[in-house]
């Protein structure tokens, strides 16, 4: 089988009720219940607004992307494929030398109704992103 880009269909949809049930549960508790599977670890930090009013909470079906550091082509494709309420989760290898997203891509996500993005890699235009309501708390459809 040749190596290269692959876009796999999602095998099932996540019910809005399931997303709502997870919205109030701390991430650490979810991780504990999943046998503490490896993740990006302590280097992942929120770069968006976060407040006591619930602003900045993020829950939704994951649309996952694995890319090489600094290459955002598949993230562009994920934005095109995303459904309102999806969370785009990107494994960019944790490389911080080249940004994977910035203002333009974040704006495209907001326009498509993406709930938020999680990136293991570099992000630019943080001031612009922090000033927006992204991630958005979306009402179930």
Foldseek 3Di string as FASTA:
>chain_A
DDDDDDADDDPDADDPVVQVVCQPPDPVVVCVVVVVDDDLPPVFDDLADDDPVSQPGATAAEDEEEDEAQDQPVVVVCLVVDAARYEYEYEHPLEEPHANEEDVSVVSNVVRNHQAYTYSYHYPNSVNRRVDSPNPDDDRD
